[in-house]
Amino acid sequence: MARRLVTNFKPMLDRVLVQRTAAVEKTAGGILLPESVQSKVNEGTVVSVGPGGRTSDGKAIPMSVAAGDSVLLPEYGGTSVKFDDQEYFIFRDDDLLGKFD
């Protein structure tokens, strides 16, 4: 059910729906890390994008990312949205720091 809700969700204007990458829970040596030590991950995957913004003249501004892109996220910001047990974040296109190729 949650997957269907997410695939049908379209952000408005220049907004982007992103799912953060899971934090590392185990070191390379196999040691489990408690949640208090795990760092906040600033990487995510774009789930869906809006149609893009508009200039004051009414011309369309294309989006710089597409669904499936891996992006670098700011440390703070974004609006948290939950679909069942999954947490997603909504960012503006210009708030994203970069895109991984």
C-alpha atoms as a PDB file:
ATOM      1  CA  MET A   1       0.000   0.000   0.000  1.00  0.00           C
ATOM      2  CA  ALA A   2       2.761   2.471   0.937  1.00  0.00           C
ATOM      3  CA  ARG A   3       4.645   1.843  -2.310  1.00  0.00           C
ATOM      4  CA  ARG A   4       1.481   2.637  -4.282  1.00  0.00           C
ATOM      5  CA  LEU A   5       0.965   5.896  -2.361  1.00  0.00           C
ATOM      6  CA  VAL A   6       4.535   6.979  -3.003  1.00  0.00           C
ATOM      7  CA  THR A   7       4.438   6.216  -6.722  1.00  0.00           C
ATOM      8  CA  ASN A   8       1.177   8.171  -7.072  1.00  0.00           C
ATOM      9  CA  PHE A   9       2.488  11.166  -5.105  1.00  0.00           C
ATOM     10  CA  LYS A  10       3.606  14.162  -7.218  1.00  0.00           C
ATOM     11  CA  PRO A  11       5.223  17.142  -5.446  1.00  0.00           C
ATOM     12  CA  MET A  12       4.026  20.616  -6.403  1.00  0.00           C
ATOM     13  CA  LEU A  13       6.054  23.018  -8.571  1.00  0.00           C
ATOM     14  CA  ASP A  14       9.826  22.788  -7.931  1.00  0.00           C
ATOM     15  CA  ARG A  15       9.680  20.321  -5.052  1.00  0.00           C
ATOM     16  CA  VAL A  16      11.368  16.917  -4.912  1.00  0.00           C
ATOM     17  CA  LEU A  17      10.405  13.824  -2.850  1.00  0.00           C
ATOM     18  CA  VAL A  18      13.568  12.138  -1.511  1.00  0.00           C
ATOM     19  CA  GLN A  19      14.181   9.007   0.534  1.00  0.00           C
ATOM     20  CA  ARG A  20      17.330   9.283   2.657  1.00  0.00           C
ATOM     21  CA  THR A  21      19.871   6.484   2.407  1.00  0.00           C
ATOM     22  CA  ALA A  22      19.943   4.305   5.549  1.00  0.00           C
ATOM     23  CA  ALA A  23      22.665   5.092   8.083  1.00  0.00           C
ATOM     24  CA  VAL A  24      25.579   2.690   8.475  1.00  0.00           C
ATOM     25  CA  GLU A  25      24.723   0.338  11.337  1.00  0.00           C
ATOM     26  CA  LYS A  26      27.850  -1.835  11.227  1.00  0.00           C
ATOM     27  CA  THR A  27      31.532  -0.999  10.775  1.00  0.00           C
ATOM     28  CA  ALA A  28      33.761  -2.699   8.215  1.00  0.00           C
ATOM     29  CA  GLY A  29      35.043  -4.925  11.034  1.00  0.00           C
ATOM     30  CA  GLY A  30      31.512  -6.059  11.912  1.00  0.00           C
ATOM     31  CA  ILE A  31      30.972  -3.957  15.052  1.00  0.00           C
ATOM     32  CA  LEU A  32      27.359  -2.839  15.524  1.00  0.00           C
ATOM     33  CA  LEU A  33      26.970   0.904  16.114  1.00  0.00           C
ATOM     34  CA  PRO A  34      24.313   2.268  18.504  1.00  0.00           C
ATOM     35  CA  GLU A  35      21.910   4.887  17.119  1.00  0.00           C
ATOM     36  CA  SER A  36      23.482   7.630  19.243  1.00  0.00           C
ATOM     37  CA  VAL A  37      26.792   7.204  17.373  1.00  0.00           C
ATOM     38  CA  GLN A  38      25.412   6.829  13.845  1.00  0.00           C
ATOM     39  CA  SER A  39      25.831   9.979  11.786  1.00  0.00           C
ATOM     40  CA  LYS A  40      22.996  11.577   9.852  1.00  0.00           C
ATOM     41  CA  VAL A  41      23.251  10.543   6.206  1.00  0.00           C
ATOM     42  CA  ASN A  42      23.259  13.425   3.718  1.00  0.00           C
ATOM     43  CA  GLU A  43      22.621  11.249   0.690  1.00  0.00           C
ATOM     44  CA  GLY A  44      19.307  10.135  -0.748  1.00  0.00           C
ATOM     45  CA  THR A  45      17.425   8.882  -3.782  1.00  0.00           C
ATOM     46  CA  VAL A  46      14.879  10.988  -5.638  1.00  0.00           C
ATOM     47  CA  VAL A  47      11.504   9.228  -5.625  1.00  0.00           C
ATOM     48  CA  SER A  48       9.469  11.778  -7.608  1.00  0.00           C
ATOM     49  CA  VAL A  49       9.742  15.354  -8.858  1.00  0.00           C
ATOM     50  CA  GLY A  50       7.271  18.138  -9.506  1.00  0.00           C
ATOM     51  CA  PRO A  51       6.713  19.729 -12.914  1.00  0.00           C
ATOM     52  CA  GLY A  52       9.130  22.608 -12.194  1.00  0.00           C
ATOM     53  CA  GLY A  53       8.849  26.243 -11.225  1.00  0.00           C
ATOM     54  CA  ARG A  54       7.855  29.318 -13.207  1.00  0.00           C
ATOM     55  CA  THR A  55       9.569  32.640 -13.775  1.00  0.00           C
ATOM     56  CA  SER A  56       7.754  35.933 -13.268  1.00  0.00           C
ATOM     57  CA  ASP A  57       7.146  35.911 -17.054  1.00  0.00           C
ATOM     58  CA  GLY A  58       5.439  32.514 -16.814  1.00  0.00           C
ATOM     59  CA  LYS A  59       8.226  30.557 -18.520  1.00  0.00           C
ATOM     60  CA  ALA A  60       8.866  27.041 -17.202  1.00  0.00           C
ATOM     61  CA  ILE A  61      12.042  26.338 -15.240  1.00  0.00           C
ATOM     62  CA  PRO A  62      13.097  22.704 -15.821  1.00  0.00           C
ATOM     63  CA  MET A  63      13.964  20.468 -12.873  1.00  0.00           C
ATOM     64  CA  SER A  64      17.652  19.613 -12.401  1.00  0.00           C
ATOM     65  CA  VAL A  65      16.974  16.082 -11.089  1.00  0.00           C
ATOM     66  CA  ALA A  66      14.807  13.148 -12.128  1.00  0.00           C
ATOM     67  CA  ALA A  67      13.318  10.165 -10.295  1.00  0.00           C
ATOM     68  CA  GLY A  68      16.004   7.621  -9.450  1.00  0.00           C
ATOM     69  CA  ASP A  69      18.880  10.143  -9.159  1.00  0.00           C
ATOM     70  CA  SER A  70      21.197   9.998  -6.138  1.00  0.00           C
ATOM     71  CA  VAL A  71      21.540  13.435  -4.557  1.00  0.00           C
ATOM     72  CA  LEU A  72      23.504  15.176  -1.799  1.00  0.00           C
ATOM     73  CA  LEU A  73      21.156  16.679   0.780  1.00  0.00           C
ATOM     74  CA  PRO A  74      21.614  19.594   3.169  1.00  0.00           C
ATOM     75  CA  GLU A  75      22.206  18.630   6.801  1.00  0.00           C
ATOM     76  CA  TYR A  76      19.060  20.419   7.953  1.00  0.00           C
ATOM     77  CA  GLY A  77      15.832  21.231   6.166  1.00  0.00           C
ATOM     78  CA  GLY A  78      13.221  19.427   4.189  1.00  0.00           C
ATOM     79  CA  THR A  79       9.713  18.525   5.230  1.00  0.00           C
ATOM     80  CA  SER A  80       9.296  15.062   6.704  1.00  0.00           C
ATOM     81  CA  VAL A  81       6.476  12.966   5.224  1.00  0.00           C
ATOM     82  CA  LYS A  82       5.551   9.421   6.250  1.00  0.00           C
ATOM     83  CA  PHE A  83       3.860   6.849   4.059  1.00  0.00           C
ATOM     84  CA  ASP A  84       3.037   3.910   6.363  1.00  0.00           C
ATOM     85  CA  ASP A  85       6.368   3.068   8.032  1.00  0.00           C
ATOM     86  CA  GLN A  86       8.690   4.737   5.486  1.00  0.00           C
ATOM     87  CA  GLU A  87       9.980   8.294   5.998  1.00  0.00           C
ATOM     88  CA  TYR A  88      10.517  10.621   3.045  1.00  0.00           C
ATOM     89  CA  PHE A  89      11.533  14.265   2.759  1.00  0.00           C
ATOM     90  CA  ILE A  90      10.354  17.043   0.469  1.00  0.00           C
ATOM     91  CA  PHE A  91      12.991  19.554  -0.648  1.00  0.00           C
ATOM     92  CA  ARG A  92      12.936  22.394  -3.145  1.00  0.00           C
ATOM     93  CA  ASP A  93      15.009  21.701  -6.249  1.00  0.00           C
ATOM     94  CA  ASP A  94      17.421  24.541  -5.429  1.00  0.00           C
ATOM     95  CA  ASP A  95      17.937  23.230  -1.851  1.00  0.00           C
ATOM     96  CA  LEU A  96      19.627  20.057  -3.135  1.00  0.00           C
ATOM     97  CA  LEU A  97      23.416  20.416  -2.946  1.00  0.00           C
ATOM     98  CA  GLY A  98      24.412  18.140  -5.814  1.00  0.00           C
ATOM     99  CA  LYS A  99      23.738  15.065  -7.907  1.00  0.00           C
ATOM    100  CA  PHE A 100      25.850  11.898  -8.127  1.00  0.00           C
ATOM    101  CA  ASP A 101      26.506  10.419 -11.581  1.00  0.00           C
END
